[in-house]
Amino acid sequence: NRGERQASSQSVNGVHANSIEDMWRVAAEIAKRAGGDPGYRGLSGPADPPPAEKPGRLLALEGAGWSMIDDTSKEAFHSLLESVEAAGVSVLRPADDPALAALDAELMGASAVCYAIIGWESRWLYRSLAGQGPDAISFRARRSLDAAEAMSVSDYHAALAGREAAQAAWARALEAVDGALMLSCPGPAHCWAGDRPGEPPMARPTGDAVFNTPASILFAPAVSMPLMAVDGLPVGAQVMGAEGADARMTGFARWLLEAVEPVVIG
């Protein structure tokens, strides 16, 4: 039900939609037909879109990507947190609880853990494609393959241990909060004119996934919402919860979209 192009132990399906209702129905229909990966239940929840549900306590996470975003996007996120608090939701920070601080520390390495696992588990696919000819895969895919080929089994085991440690920290954090609220991306989309001859290709031309890798390694359902705009471009915020809490996070997202006015700057 996945095909060889989703060979990772943390492959996910992300639905892009114009509404919460469309998002849920598409995801539910996919799950109904394909189910979860072997050993996993897949999407959890009703066939109809879950109703709006007000969260009680949310953890505000800045994460490893905070240092790479612009000041205006930081201002927009802080304004959003103030609006969420004004709507009656308790917003906690990592400094408020040792368990939350421990989670924040674990997630600082989420991207490294995520890319190591994906690279190692996808190397046979890339090997097969690369074997079809010198131009069968892109420079970026070749770079990913080279990084995976340089790994040892011990490196892979270390990445798995890092993922397990992050998941354990997440479980402890969820004893204090209902979920987490963080940016979906490192600010507005950047301009990319394409690779230039003679220069190294840009590492991630479609954007850095630094705010998305935490949910991947935590196996956490996450719903992104268009709650901010900076300089005329959308900047998303996401709510992230416990594994299996797909319906609840969708309810949280639905409530946030209804109760919180989007932040627009510039």
Protein backbone atom coordinates (compact mmCIF):
# COMPACT_ATOMS: atom_id res chain seq x y z
CA ASN A 1 0.00 0.00 0.00
CA ARG A 2 3.02 2.31 0.05
CA GLY A 3 5.21 1.37 -2.88
CA GLU A 4 8.99 1.29 -2.94
CA ARG A 5 9.26 5.09 -2.85
CA GLN A 6 8.13 5.19 0.79
CA ALA A 7 10.65 2.81 2.25
CA SER A 8 11.38 4.66 5.48
CA SER A 9 10.16 3.54 8.89
CA GLN A 10 8.76 7.05 9.36
CA SER A 11 7.17 7.74 5.98
CA VAL A 12 4.07 9.91 6.24
CA ASN A 13 1.25 11.11 4.02
CA GLY A 14 0.54 14.83 4.15
CA VAL A 15 -2.72 16.19 2.76
CA HIS A 16 -2.78 19.71 1.31
CA ALA A 17 -6.32 21.11 1.44
CA ASN A 18 -8.28 24.35 1.49
CA SER A 19 -10.17 23.40 4.64
CA ILE A 20 -9.99 21.18 7.69
CA GLU A 21 -13.01 19.26 6.40
CA ASP A 22 -11.36 18.46 3.06
CA MET A 23 -8.10 17.54 4.76
CA TRP A 24 -9.74 15.08 7.12
CA ARG A 25 -11.96 13.44 4.51
CA VAL A 26 -9.07 12.88 2.11
CA ALA A 27 -6.87 11.44 4.87
CA ALA A 28 -9.71 9.24 6.15
CA GLU A 29 -10.44 7.87 2.68
CA ILE A 30 -6.76 7.07 2.11
CA ALA A 31 -6.60 5.30 5.48
CA LYS A 32 -9.81 3.39 4.77
CA ARG A 33 -8.43 2.02 1.52
CA ALA A 34 -4.77 1.54 2.39
CA GLY A 35 -4.70 1.25 6.17
CA GLY A 36 -1.57 1.90 8.16
CA ASP A 37 1.91 0.56 7.58
CA PRO A 38 2.47 -3.04 8.69
CA GLY A 39 2.24 -3.10 12.46
CA TYR A 40 0.60 0.33 12.71
CA ARG A 41 -3.06 1.35 12.74
CA GLY A 42 -2.67 4.37 10.52
CA LEU A 43 -5.03 7.33 10.83
CA SER A 44 -7.17 7.19 13.97
CA GLY A 45 -10.58 8.81 14.15
CA PRO A 46 -14.09 9.00 12.70
CA ALA A 47 -15.02 9.12 9.03
CA ASP A 48 -16.50 12.60 9.42
CA PRO A 49 -14.30 15.58 10.30
CA PRO A 50 -13.84 15.90 14.08
CA PRO A 51 -15.56 18.89 15.72
CA ALA A 52 -13.60 21.85 17.03
CA GLU A 53 -12.03 21.17 20.43
CA LYS A 54 -10.42 23.80 22.61
CA PRO A 55 -7.03 22.67 23.94
CA GLY A 56 -6.35 23.18 27.62
CA ARG A 57 -2.57 23.51 27.64
CA LEU A 58 -0.17 23.80 24.72
CA LEU A 59 3.61 23.82 24.69
CA ALA A 60 5.10 26.63 22.62
CA LEU A 61 8.21 25.31 20.86
CA GLU A 62 10.70 27.48 19.01
CA GLY A 63 12.96 24.59 18.07
CA ALA A 64 16.24 24.28 16.23
CA GLY A 65 14.99 26.40 13.33
CA TRP A 66 14.42 29.49 15.44
CA SER A 67 17.91 30.86 14.74
CA MET A 68 17.40 30.77 10.96
CA ILE A 69 14.16 32.74 10.71
CA ASP A 70 13.73 36.49 10.35
CA ASP A 71 12.76 38.80 13.19
CA THR A 72 9.37 39.59 11.64
CA SER A 73 8.38 35.92 11.60
CA LYS A 74 9.49 35.62 15.22
CA GLU A 75 7.33 38.62 16.07
CA ALA A 76 4.37 37.07 14.25
CA PHE A 77 4.71 33.79 16.16
CA HIS A 78 4.96 35.55 19.51
CA SER A 79 1.87 37.59 18.64
CA LEU A 80 0.06 34.37 17.74
CA LEU A 81 0.95 32.86 21.10
CA GLU A 82 -0.45 35.94 22.84
CA SER A 83 -3.69 35.57 20.88
CA VAL A 84 -3.96 31.89 21.79
CA GLU A 85 -3.48 32.76 25.46
CA ALA A 86 -6.04 35.56 25.20
CA ALA A 87 -8.51 32.99 23.85
CA GLY A 88 -8.22 31.05 27.09
CA VAL A 89 -5.56 28.43 26.34
CA SER A 90 -2.64 28.00 28.75
CA VAL A 91 0.59 28.28 26.77
CA LEU A 92 3.65 26.80 28.45
CA ARG A 93 7.30 27.26 27.54
CA PRO A 94 10.12 24.73 27.95
CA ALA A 95 11.43 26.66 30.98
CA ASP A 96 8.14 26.07 32.81
CA ASP A 97 8.70 22.35 33.41
CA PRO A 98 11.78 20.08 33.40
CA ALA A 99 9.98 17.54 31.19
CA LEU A 100 9.23 20.24 28.63
CA ALA A 101 12.83 21.46 28.73
CA ALA A 102 14.06 17.90 28.21
CA LEU A 103 11.84 17.51 25.15
CA ASP A 104 13.04 20.82 23.73
CA ALA A 105 16.65 19.67 24.12
CA GLU A 106 15.98 16.32 22.44
CA LEU A 107 14.28 17.95 19.46
CA MET A 108 17.25 20.21 18.73
CA GLY A 109 18.81 17.25 16.92
CA ALA A 110 15.61 16.12 15.18
CA SER A 111 16.76 16.93 11.65
CA ALA A 112 20.06 15.06 11.99
CA VAL A 113 18.26 12.02 13.41
CA CYS A 114 15.53 12.19 10.77
CA TYR A 115 17.84 12.49 7.78
CA ALA A 116 20.16 9.75 9.04
CA ILE A 117 17.26 7.30 9.38
CA ILE A 118 15.68 8.21 6.05
CA GLY A 119 19.01 8.12 4.24
CA TRP A 120 20.00 4.71 5.60
CA GLU A 121 16.60 3.15 4.96
CA SER A 122 16.35 4.60 1.45
CA ARG A 123 19.82 3.75 0.24
CA TRP A 124 18.75 0.59 -1.61
CA LEU A 125 16.18 2.57 -3.57
CA TYR A 126 18.75 5.19 -4.53
CA ARG A 127 21.31 2.52 -5.35
CA SER A 128 18.83 0.89 -7.72
CA LEU A 129 18.03 4.17 -9.42
CA ALA A 130 21.67 5.25 -9.61
CA GLY A 131 22.55 1.94 -11.24
CA GLN A 132 20.41 2.81 -14.24
CA GLY A 133 22.87 5.41 -15.47
CA PRO A 134 25.08 8.36 -14.49
CA ASP A 135 22.22 10.85 -14.83
CA ALA A 136 19.49 8.64 -13.35
CA ILE A 137 19.36 10.57 -10.08
CA SER A 138 19.84 14.23 -9.29
CA PHE A 139 22.87 15.78 -7.65
CA ARG A 140 20.90 16.16 -4.42
CA ALA A 141 19.78 12.52 -4.46
CA ARG A 142 23.36 11.48 -5.14
CA ARG A 143 24.53 13.55 -2.19
CA SER A 144 21.95 11.84 0.05
CA LEU A 145 23.06 8.44 -1.21
CA ASP A 146 26.73 9.25 -0.60
CA ALA A 147 25.93 10.32 2.96
CA ALA A 148 24.02 7.09 3.57
CA GLU A 149 26.80 4.96 2.08
CA ALA A 150 29.23 6.60 4.50
CA MET A 151 27.13 5.47 7.47
CA SER A 152 27.73 2.30 9.46
CA VAL A 153 25.19 0.06 11.11
CA SER A 154 26.25 1.62 14.41
CA ASP A 155 25.42 5.06 13.02
CA TYR A 156 21.95 3.84 12.11
CA HIS A 157 21.50 2.32 15.55
CA ALA A 158 22.53 5.64 17.11
CA ALA A 159 19.94 7.47 15.03
CA LEU A 160 17.25 5.00 16.10
CA ALA A 161 18.29 5.50 19.73
CA GLY A 162 18.00 9.25 19.23
CA ARG A 163 14.49 8.83 17.88
CA GLU A 164 13.50 6.60 20.78
CA ALA A 165 14.90 9.11 23.29
CA ALA A 166 12.91 11.92 21.68
CA GLN A 167 9.74 9.83 21.75
CA ALA A 168 10.25 9.03 25.42
CA ALA A 169 10.74 12.73 26.18
CA TRP A 170 7.58 13.53 24.21
CA ALA A 171 5.58 11.00 26.23
CA ARG A 172 6.73 12.62 29.47
CA ALA A 173 5.96 16.11 28.14
CA LEU A 174 2.43 15.06 27.22
CA GLU A 175 1.74 14.46 30.90
CA ALA A 176 1.90 18.26 31.30
CA VAL A 177 0.36 19.49 28.02
CA ASP A 178 -2.23 18.45 25.45
CA GLY A 179 0.08 19.11 22.52
CA ALA A 180 2.61 21.51 21.08
CA LEU A 181 2.29 24.63 18.95
CA MET A 182 5.17 25.65 16.71
CA LEU A 183 5.98 27.17 13.36
CA SER A 184 5.44 25.02 10.27
CA CYS A 185 8.29 26.60 8.30
CA PRO A 186 11.29 28.90 8.78
CA GLY A 187 9.49 32.06 7.71
CA PRO A 188 8.02 33.05 4.33
CA ALA A 189 8.97 31.09 1.22
CA HIS A 190 12.27 32.24 -0.21
CA CYS A 191 13.03 33.09 -3.82
CA TRP A 192 15.03 30.55 -5.81
CA ALA A 193 16.18 31.35 -9.32
CA GLY A 194 17.48 27.84 -9.95
CA ASP A 195 20.92 26.31 -9.70
CA ARG A 196 23.70 28.30 -11.32
CA PRO A 197 26.26 26.59 -13.56
CA GLY A 198 29.60 26.20 -11.85
CA GLU A 199 28.17 26.74 -8.36
CA PRO A 200 27.12 24.12 -5.80
CA PRO A 201 23.35 23.51 -5.95
CA MET A 202 21.30 24.98 -3.13
CA ALA A 203 20.84 22.32 -0.47
CA ARG A 204 17.07 22.65 -0.03
CA PRO A 205 15.58 24.84 -2.76
CA THR A 206 11.99 24.15 -1.70
CA GLY A 207 12.64 25.06 1.93
CA ASP A 208 14.16 23.61 5.07
CA ALA A 209 12.10 21.00 6.92
CA VAL A 210 13.62 21.88 10.30
CA PHE A 211 10.16 22.56 11.77
CA ASN A 212 8.73 19.35 10.31
CA THR A 213 11.33 16.79 11.34
CA PRO A 214 10.26 16.83 15.02
CA ALA A 215 6.82 15.43 14.17
CA SER A 216 8.44 12.84 11.90
CA ILE A 217 10.72 11.36 14.54
CA LEU A 218 8.01 11.54 17.21
CA PHE A 219 5.45 9.74 15.00
CA ALA A 220 3.22 12.66 15.98
CA PRO A 221 0.17 13.81 14.02
CA ALA A 222 0.58 17.46 13.07
CA VAL A 223 -1.85 19.88 11.44
CA SER A 224 -0.55 23.10 9.88
CA MET A 225 -2.77 26.17 9.74
CA PRO A 226 -2.48 29.49 7.85
CA LEU A 227 -2.47 31.60 11.01
CA MET A 228 0.22 34.12 10.04
CA ALA A 229 1.32 36.21 7.09
CA VAL A 230 4.65 38.04 6.80
CA ASP A 231 5.41 40.52 4.03
CA GLY A 232 2.45 39.29 2.02
CA LEU A 233 3.37 35.60 2.20
CA PRO A 234 1.78 32.88 4.36
CA VAL A 235 3.61 31.48 7.37
CA GLY A 236 2.06 28.44 8.97
CA ALA A 237 1.75 27.28 12.55
CA GLN A 238 1.23 23.64 13.45
CA VAL A 239 -0.33 21.82 16.35
CA MET A 240 1.30 18.49 17.19
CA GLY A 241 0.10 15.73 19.49
CA ALA A 242 0.48 12.18 20.70
CA GLU A 243 0.75 9.28 18.28
CA GLY A 244 -2.77 8.22 17.41
CA ALA A 245 -4.31 11.57 18.37
CA ASP A 246 -5.05 12.48 14.75
CA ALA A 247 -8.67 13.39 15.41
CA ARG A 248 -7.88 15.39 18.53
CA MET A 249 -5.20 17.45 16.78
CA THR A 250 -7.61 18.09 13.93
CA GLY A 251 -10.15 19.30 16.49
CA PHE A 252 -7.54 21.58 18.06
CA ALA A 253 -6.62 22.99 14.65
CA ARG A 254 -10.26 23.56 13.81
CA TRP A 255 -10.78 25.44 17.07
CA LEU A 256 -7.68 27.59 16.55
CA LEU A 257 -8.80 28.53 13.06
CA GLU A 258 -12.21 29.54 14.40
CA ALA A 259 -11.13 31.25 17.63
CA VAL A 260 -7.85 32.99 16.79
CA GLU A 261 -7.49 35.89 14.38
CA PRO A 262 -4.58 35.39 11.94
CA VAL A 263 -1.52 37.56 12.55
CA VAL A 264 -0.59 39.71 9.56
CA ILE A 265 2.63 41.75 9.52
CA GLY A 266 3.99 43.66 6.54
